[in-house]
């Protein structure tokens, strides 16, 4: 039936699976503008404007992708949206039954992109397929074209800086903090020394009118010295220990999420066996003390600033998790203590615990979670804001983990 057809205009089940695999592989989102374009329209244009551009070019949306013609062939387009009102990634895929037809189209697409992006440097890149070419500008934004298989050509247009995958290490290395480095299965992570002290825990004055009843009364708490993770546990670290990645928004440098309390206990047991350490989850008091900046606290409302956007991925600037350590650190050099994902504390949650005494670690039904998340508002990202986890066997895509480690004073 298809023996006389060189170029394929329908998708078999196997090819659909491959197409979806390629799409998932490339849908990694960061957030910077760039002068990359598609059919004459900048991808950094406002979302509605770019969609109208596609519609004007004859593309239609089927609920999962835009379908239309590019260089006279049927293509499928998946757009990844950004918090700043523009798309930051576009995947263009074309599927063929004849490998030579696919290769011919790859060559045609490379020539078209080179013509449309004359200021971009071209280099070979086969990291995601059999052959590939990347066009990159001086700011690091890129268009990557690849033969994902013998029958699929994929083009990925990104408005973010492709070097952002190294951003975590760059920011961490430039942040002054008293750190101790650890490594497991070739994945390194830093723990920050927090000198012990006494602090006022709860809804203190700088927290303003958003203080809730479960943050009162304000009370003095003494915390011994300890180590705490400089960042939330990344998906890379989790997978190196557990062998799988449960996160909904997958990226090696993003915080791991969609993990239950029970998952965390298994993770800690395996991590400790591999490192011969005694890593644990911080207590609620340790967490708040560190988020406030410990002994060198400047009394901020959020962890590291009174301006939430400086230090946190939250509902005003984000629609998903982001790579850790891409916002400003707090006084101790800790990243993302406000926003990105909620973080487990070892204490069980009791709304009245501040009224009845300092909360204690427990294996009760719901544990305290702190820090807010990328969907959180200014209220939940405050350093004194408290919430609680789901049942121990369930996780959420807004909930992750940060490590702690006891140490001598």
Protein backbone atom coordinates (compact mmCIF):
# COMPACT_ATOMS: atom_id res chain seq x y z
CA UNK A 1 0.00 0.00 0.00
CA UNK A 2 2.84 2.38 0.79
CA UNK A 3 5.53 0.93 -1.48
CA UNK A 4 5.27 3.81 -3.95
CA UNK A 5 5.25 6.53 -1.32
CA UNK A 6 8.60 8.07 -0.45
CA UNK A 7 7.49 10.65 2.06
CA UNK A 8 5.23 9.56 4.85
CA UNK A 9 2.11 11.54 5.69
CA UNK A 10 0.70 9.33 8.40
CA UNK A 11 2.15 7.92 11.63
CA UNK A 12 2.40 4.26 12.61
CA UNK A 13 2.25 3.22 16.25
CA UNK A 14 6.01 2.59 16.43
CA UNK A 15 6.86 5.94 14.84
CA UNK A 16 4.47 7.73 17.17
CA UNK A 17 6.27 6.23 20.15
CA UNK A 18 9.62 7.35 18.75
CA UNK A 19 8.21 10.80 18.03
CA UNK A 20 6.93 11.14 21.58
CA UNK A 21 10.26 9.93 22.94
CA UNK A 22 12.13 12.57 20.96
CA UNK A 23 9.68 15.23 22.14
CA UNK A 24 10.09 14.30 25.79
CA UNK A 25 13.84 14.16 25.41
CA UNK A 26 14.01 17.70 24.12
CA UNK A 27 11.32 19.39 26.27
CA UNK A 28 13.67 20.95 28.78
CA UNK A 29 12.73 24.49 29.71
CA UNK A 30 14.82 27.43 30.87
CA UNK A 31 13.99 31.07 30.47
CA UNK A 32 15.96 33.50 28.34
CA UNK A 33 15.09 35.34 25.15
CA UNK A 34 17.05 34.94 21.90
CA UNK A 35 16.87 36.00 18.27
CA UNK A 36 15.87 32.58 17.00
CA UNK A 37 12.99 32.36 14.56
CA UNK A 38 10.75 30.02 12.59
CA UNK A 39 9.51 30.85 9.12
CA UNK A 40 10.44 34.48 9.64
CA UNK A 41 8.91 34.96 13.11
CA UNK A 42 10.95 35.35 16.30
CA UNK A 43 10.17 32.67 18.89
CA UNK A 44 10.56 35.32 21.59
CA UNK A 45 7.46 37.07 20.26
CA UNK A 46 4.48 37.08 22.65
CA UNK A 47 2.82 33.65 22.77
CA UNK A 48 -0.45 34.72 21.16
CA UNK A 49 1.44 36.54 18.42
CA UNK A 50 3.56 33.50 17.62
CA UNK A 51 0.52 31.19 17.57
CA UNK A 52 -1.21 33.56 15.17
CA UNK A 53 1.91 33.41 13.00
CA UNK A 54 1.62 29.61 12.85
CA UNK A 55 -2.08 29.80 12.08
CA UNK A 56 -1.39 32.31 9.30
CA UNK A 57 1.06 29.77 7.88
CA UNK A 58 -1.66 27.13 7.81
CA UNK A 59 -0.89 25.28 11.05
CA UNK A 60 -3.71 23.88 13.18
CA UNK A 61 -3.72 22.65 16.78
CA UNK A 62 -5.01 19.16 17.59
CA UNK A 63 -4.77 19.34 21.38
CA UNK A 64 -1.16 18.20 21.65
CA UNK A 65 0.74 19.72 18.73
CA UNK A 66 0.48 22.05 15.76
CA UNK A 67 0.30 20.37 12.36
CA UNK A 68 1.16 22.02 9.08
CA UNK A 69 3.78 22.22 6.36
CA UNK A 70 7.39 23.39 6.59
CA UNK A 71 9.55 23.27 3.45
CA UNK A 72 6.64 21.53 1.70
CA UNK A 73 6.51 18.61 4.12
CA UNK A 74 4.09 17.71 6.91
CA UNK A 75 5.55 18.54 10.32
CA UNK A 76 4.42 18.43 13.93
CA UNK A 77 5.28 21.27 16.30
CA UNK A 78 5.33 21.16 20.10
CA UNK A 79 5.76 24.46 21.93
CA UNK A 80 7.09 24.83 25.45
CA UNK A 81 5.85 28.00 27.13
CA UNK A 82 7.81 30.34 29.33
CA UNK A 83 6.89 32.44 32.35
CA UNK A 84 7.63 35.70 30.58
CA UNK A 85 4.83 35.41 28.04
CA UNK A 86 6.76 33.86 25.18
CA UNK A 87 7.68 30.35 24.10
CA UNK A 88 11.17 29.24 25.01
CA UNK A 89 11.36 26.00 23.07
CA UNK A 90 9.87 24.61 19.89
CA UNK A 91 10.22 21.09 18.54
CA UNK A 92 9.56 20.51 14.85
CA UNK A 93 9.37 16.86 13.78
CA UNK A 94 8.91 15.30 10.37
CA UNK A 95 8.35 11.56 9.88
CA UNK A 96 9.16 9.59 6.73
CA UNK A 97 8.91 6.00 5.52
CA UNK A 98 12.00 6.31 3.35
CA UNK A 99 15.38 7.00 5.06
CA UNK A 100 16.72 8.82 2.02
CA UNK A 101 13.69 11.12 1.98
CA UNK A 102 14.33 11.89 5.65
CA UNK A 103 18.00 12.63 4.98
CA UNK A 104 17.11 14.86 2.03
CA UNK A 105 14.71 16.81 4.22
CA UNK A 106 17.36 17.12 6.95
CA UNK A 107 19.76 18.66 4.43
CA UNK A 108 17.04 21.01 3.17
CA UNK A 109 16.19 22.10 6.74
CA UNK A 110 19.86 22.77 7.55
CA UNK A 111 20.16 25.03 4.51
CA UNK A 112 16.93 26.87 5.38
CA UNK A 113 18.01 27.47 8.98
CA UNK A 114 21.48 28.62 7.92
CA UNK A 115 19.86 31.11 5.55
CA UNK A 116 17.40 32.41 8.16
CA UNK A 117 20.04 32.62 10.92
CA UNK A 118 23.09 34.04 9.17
CA UNK A 119 24.65 35.33 12.39
CA UNK A 120 24.71 31.89 13.99
CA UNK A 121 27.75 29.62 14.11
CA UNK A 122 27.11 26.13 12.69
CA UNK A 123 28.72 23.01 14.10
CA UNK A 124 28.15 19.27 13.88
CA UNK A 125 26.30 17.74 16.82
CA UNK A 126 25.06 14.15 16.88
CA UNK A 127 24.33 13.97 20.62
CA UNK A 128 20.64 13.20 20.08
CA UNK A 129 20.65 11.23 16.85
CA UNK A 130 22.59 9.63 14.04
CA UNK A 131 23.66 12.95 12.55
CA UNK A 132 22.99 16.51 13.62
CA UNK A 133 23.90 20.14 13.27
CA UNK A 134 23.58 22.97 15.77
CA UNK A 135 23.31 26.67 14.95
CA UNK A 136 24.22 28.84 17.93
CA UNK A 137 24.56 32.59 18.37
CA UNK A 138 27.00 34.55 20.50
CA UNK A 139 24.54 34.60 23.41
CA UNK A 140 24.25 30.82 23.45
CA UNK A 141 20.74 30.44 21.99
CA UNK A 142 20.41 27.61 19.53
CA UNK A 143 18.64 25.76 16.75
CA UNK A 144 19.49 22.08 16.68
CA UNK A 145 18.57 19.83 13.74
CA UNK A 146 19.02 16.10 14.10
CA UNK A 147 18.19 12.80 12.49
CA UNK A 148 16.66 11.24 15.60
CA UNK A 149 16.29 7.98 13.67
CA UNK A 150 16.41 6.88 10.05
CA UNK A 151 12.82 8.05 9.59
CA UNK A 152 12.49 11.06 11.88
CA UNK A 153 14.02 14.49 11.50
CA UNK A 154 13.66 16.76 14.52
CA UNK A 155 14.46 20.45 14.81
CA UNK A 156 14.68 22.10 18.22
CA UNK A 157 14.60 25.89 18.53
CA UNK A 158 15.52 27.25 21.96
CA UNK A 159 15.39 30.82 23.22
CA UNK A 160 17.36 30.06 26.37
CA UNK A 161 21.11 30.01 26.74
CA UNK A 162 22.26 26.46 26.01
CA UNK A 163 25.06 26.94 28.52
CA UNK A 164 22.49 27.24 31.33
CA UNK A 165 23.02 23.57 32.11
CA UNK A 166 26.28 24.69 33.66
CA UNK A 167 24.67 27.60 35.48
CA UNK A 168 24.24 25.69 38.72
CA UNK A 169 27.94 24.98 39.06
CA UNK A 170 28.87 28.55 38.05
CA UNK A 171 26.59 30.16 40.63
CA UNK A 172 27.57 27.74 43.38
CA UNK A 173 31.28 28.21 42.75
CA UNK A 174 30.90 32.00 42.88
CA UNK A 175 28.89 31.96 46.13
CA UNK A 176 30.79 32.37 49.37
CA UNK A 177 29.71 29.60 51.71
CA UNK A 178 31.34 27.26 54.22
CA UNK A 179 30.80 24.09 52.23
CA UNK A 180 31.76 20.43 52.36
CA UNK A 181 31.69 18.45 49.12
CA UNK A 182 30.34 14.92 48.78
CA UNK A 183 30.08 12.58 45.82
CA UNK A 184 28.07 9.48 45.03
CA UNK A 185 28.30 7.51 41.78
CA UNK A 186 30.21 10.42 40.16
CA UNK A 187 27.55 12.99 41.14
CA UNK A 188 28.82 15.73 43.45
CA UNK A 189 26.80 17.86 45.86
CA UNK A 190 27.63 20.43 48.53
CA UNK A 191 26.58 20.70 52.14
CA UNK A 192 26.81 24.09 53.89
CA UNK A 193 27.97 24.48 57.49
CA UNK A 194 25.40 26.25 59.67
CA UNK A 195 26.76 27.46 63.00
CA UNK A 196 24.34 26.82 65.84
CA UNK A 197 22.57 29.56 67.74
CA UNK A 198 19.32 30.86 69.17
CA UNK A 199 16.66 32.48 66.97
CA UNK A 200 13.09 33.65 67.10
CA UNK A 201 10.98 31.07 65.27
CA UNK A 202 7.56 31.88 63.83
CA UNK A 203 5.73 34.88 62.40
CA UNK A 204 8.19 37.61 63.30
CA UNK A 205 7.64 41.29 62.48
CA UNK A 206 9.15 41.29 58.98
CA UNK A 207 6.67 38.57 57.93
CA UNK A 208 3.96 41.23 57.95
CA UNK A 209 0.22 40.70 57.72
CA UNK A 210 0.55 37.35 55.95
CA UNK A 211 1.42 35.55 59.18
CA UNK A 212 -1.00 32.70 59.89
CA UNK A 213 -2.15 31.26 63.19
CA UNK A 214 0.02 28.16 62.87
CA UNK A 215 3.12 30.44 62.91
CA UNK A 216 2.30 31.79 66.37
CA UNK A 217 3.37 32.40 69.01
CA UNK A 218 6.91 33.54 68.19
CA UNK A 219 9.28 31.54 70.39
CA UNK A 220 13.02 31.20 70.96
CA UNK A 221 14.64 28.02 69.66
CA UNK A 222 18.20 26.81 70.14
CA UNK A 223 19.73 24.99 67.19
CA UNK A 224 22.98 23.03 67.28
CA UNK A 225 25.47 23.34 64.43
CA UNK A 226 24.71 21.15 61.43
CA UNK A 227 25.19 20.82 57.67
CA UNK A 228 22.41 21.42 55.17
CA UNK A 229 22.25 20.89 51.41
CA UNK A 230 23.31 23.94 49.43
CA UNK A 231 20.56 23.08 46.98
CA UNK A 232 17.53 20.87 46.91
CA UNK A 233 18.33 17.28 45.93
CA UNK A 234 18.57 17.31 42.16
CA UNK A 235 17.11 14.72 39.84
CA UNK A 236 20.66 13.78 38.87
CA UNK A 237 21.59 12.98 42.48
CA UNK A 238 18.34 11.12 43.15
CA UNK A 239 18.70 8.96 40.05
CA UNK A 240 22.35 8.20 40.81
CA UNK A 241 21.23 6.69 44.12
CA UNK A 242 17.82 5.24 43.28
CA UNK A 243 18.27 4.27 39.64
CA UNK A 244 15.12 6.05 38.47
CA UNK A 245 13.67 9.55 38.24
CA UNK A 246 10.04 9.98 39.38
CA UNK A 247 9.85 13.70 38.57
CA UNK A 248 7.12 15.11 36.36
CA UNK A 249 9.32 17.88 34.95
CA UNK A 250 12.46 15.97 34.10
CA UNK A 251 15.85 17.70 33.93
CA UNK A 252 19.05 16.60 35.62
CA UNK A 253 19.61 19.92 37.40
CA UNK A 254 16.01 20.51 38.48
CA UNK A 255 14.97 19.48 41.99
CA UNK A 256 13.61 15.97 42.24
CA UNK A 257 9.85 16.01 42.91
CA UNK A 258 6.85 13.73 42.95
CA UNK A 259 8.50 11.83 45.80
CA UNK A 260 6.75 10.52 48.90
CA UNK A 261 8.03 10.50 52.46
CA UNK A 262 8.50 6.74 52.13
CA UNK A 263 10.56 7.29 48.96
CA UNK A 264 12.78 9.73 50.85
CA UNK A 265 13.46 7.23 53.62
CA UNK A 266 14.57 4.63 51.05
CA UNK A 267 16.71 7.26 49.31
CA UNK A 268 18.44 8.21 52.55
CA UNK A 269 19.17 4.60 53.45
CA UNK A 270 20.75 3.98 50.05
CA UNK A 271 22.64 7.28 50.07
CA UNK A 272 24.06 6.59 53.53
CA UNK A 273 25.12 3.09 52.50
CA UNK A 274 26.97 4.52 49.51
CA UNK A 275 28.60 7.43 51.34
CA UNK A 276 29.04 5.92 54.83
CA UNK A 277 27.42 9.07 56.23
CA UNK A 278 24.22 9.68 58.17
CA UNK A 279 22.31 12.09 55.94
CA UNK A 280 18.81 12.92 57.09
CA UNK A 281 15.97 15.35 56.57
CA UNK A 282 16.30 18.63 58.54
CA UNK A 283 14.02 19.39 61.47
CA UNK A 284 11.59 22.24 61.03
CA UNK A 285 13.64 24.43 63.39
CA UNK A 286 16.87 23.69 61.50
CA UNK A 287 15.16 24.45 58.22
CA UNK A 288 13.81 27.84 59.31
CA UNK A 289 17.05 28.81 61.03
CA UNK A 290 19.01 28.08 57.85
CA UNK A 291 16.42 29.77 55.61
CA UNK A 292 16.66 32.91 57.75
CA UNK A 293 20.45 32.96 57.38
CA UNK A 294 21.46 31.51 60.73
CA UNK A 295 23.77 33.70 62.82
CA UNK A 296 24.31 36.12 59.95
CA UNK A 297 20.62 36.64 59.19
CA UNK A 298 19.63 40.05 57.85
CA UNK A 299 16.00 39.56 58.83
CA UNK A 300 14.51 39.07 55.37
CA UNK A 301 10.92 38.05 54.71
CA UNK A 302 12.03 35.44 52.18
CA UNK A 303 15.18 33.38 52.21
CA UNK A 304 17.83 35.88 51.13
CA UNK A 305 15.75 38.92 50.19
CA UNK A 306 12.63 40.96 50.74
CA UNK A 307 12.12 40.73 46.97
CA UNK A 308 10.69 37.29 46.25
CA UNK A 309 11.62 37.27 42.56
CA UNK A 310 15.32 37.70 43.44
CA UNK A 311 15.48 34.43 45.31
CA UNK A 312 12.54 32.24 44.30
CA UNK A 313 10.76 30.57 41.43
CA UNK A 314 7.14 31.23 42.32
CA UNK A 315 3.70 31.68 40.78
CA UNK A 316 4.53 35.19 39.57
CA UNK A 317 7.53 34.12 37.50
CA UNK A 318 7.21 30.42 36.79
CA UNK A 319 5.00 27.64 35.50
CA UNK A 320 7.31 24.72 36.33
CA UNK A 321 10.38 23.79 38.34
CA UNK A 322 13.72 25.29 37.35
CA UNK A 323 17.35 24.27 37.67
CA UNK A 324 18.54 24.69 41.23
CA UNK A 325 20.85 27.59 42.07
CA UNK A 326 19.56 29.85 39.30
CA UNK A 327 18.28 32.47 41.75
CA UNK A 328 20.16 34.49 44.35
CA UNK A 329 21.45 32.60 47.40
CA UNK A 330 20.64 33.59 50.99
CA UNK A 331 23.11 34.84 53.60
CA UNK A 332 24.55 31.34 54.14
CA UNK A 333 24.91 30.60 50.45
CA UNK A 334 21.81 28.38 50.29
CA UNK A 335 19.68 28.34 47.13
CA UNK A 336 15.94 27.93 46.64
CA UNK A 337 14.96 27.89 50.31
CA UNK A 338 12.05 29.96 49.03
CA UNK A 339 10.21 28.64 45.98
CA UNK A 340 10.94 26.00 43.33
CA UNK A 341 9.64 23.03 45.37
CA UNK A 342 8.40 22.51 48.91
CA UNK A 343 10.89 20.66 51.11
CA UNK A 344 10.21 17.96 53.68
CA UNK A 345 11.05 18.49 57.34
CA UNK A 346 11.38 15.58 59.76
CA UNK A 347 8.78 16.99 62.17
CA UNK A 348 5.18 15.87 62.05
CA UNK A 349 2.73 18.63 61.35
CA UNK A 350 0.56 20.00 64.13
CA UNK A 351 -1.20 23.31 63.58
CA UNK A 352 -1.00 24.11 67.29
CA UNK A 353 2.52 22.84 67.97
CA UNK A 354 3.93 26.33 68.53
CA UNK A 355 1.35 26.87 71.22
CA UNK A 356 2.07 23.57 72.96
CA UNK A 357 5.85 23.44 72.62
CA UNK A 358 8.65 22.96 70.12
CA UNK A 359 7.65 20.35 67.50
CA UNK A 360 9.44 17.00 67.66
CA UNK A 361 10.46 14.59 64.92
CA UNK A 362 7.89 11.85 64.40
CA UNK A 363 6.59 9.32 61.91
CA UNK A 364 3.06 10.70 62.06
CA UNK A 365 0.72 10.83 59.06
CA UNK A 366 1.69 14.29 57.71
CA UNK A 367 5.08 15.93 57.90
CA UNK A 368 5.90 19.62 57.88
CA UNK A 369 6.89 21.00 54.48
CA UNK A 370 8.55 24.37 54.04
CA UNK A 371 9.66 26.97 51.50
CA UNK A 372 6.77 27.26 49.07
CA UNK A 373 7.07 26.20 45.44
CA UNK A 374 6.93 27.39 41.84
CA UNK A 375 3.15 27.60 42.10
CA UNK A 376 3.29 29.31 45.49
CA UNK A 377 2.41 32.91 46.24
CA UNK A 378 4.20 35.42 48.43
CA UNK A 379 2.53 33.96 51.53
CA UNK A 380 3.77 30.38 51.21
CA UNK A 381 7.33 31.29 50.17
CA UNK A 382 8.02 33.22 53.39
CA UNK A 383 10.63 31.77 55.76
CA UNK A 384 8.09 31.24 58.56
CA UNK A 385 5.25 29.82 56.46
CA UNK A 386 4.24 26.26 57.35
CA UNK A 387 2.35 23.59 55.49
CA UNK A 388 2.05 19.80 55.54
CA UNK A 389 2.76 16.86 53.26
CA UNK A 390 0.35 14.27 51.88
CA UNK A 391 0.26 10.81 53.43
CA UNK A 392 3.69 9.10 53.60
CA UNK A 393 3.07 6.92 50.56
CA UNK A 394 2.14 9.79 48.24
CA UNK A 395 4.24 12.47 46.54
CA UNK A 396 3.46 15.70 44.71
CA UNK A 397 5.07 17.48 41.75
CA UNK A 398 5.65 20.53 43.96
CA UNK A 399 7.40 18.65 46.77
CA UNK A 400 11.08 17.73 47.05
CA UNK A 401 13.84 17.18 49.62
CA UNK A 402 16.94 18.89 51.01
CA UNK A 403 19.58 16.99 52.95
CA UNK A 404 20.88 17.61 56.47
CA UNK A 405 23.80 16.15 58.36
CA UNK A 406 24.65 16.47 62.04
CA UNK A 407 28.11 17.72 62.94
CA UNK A 408 30.15 18.63 66.00
CA UNK A 409 29.94 22.28 67.10
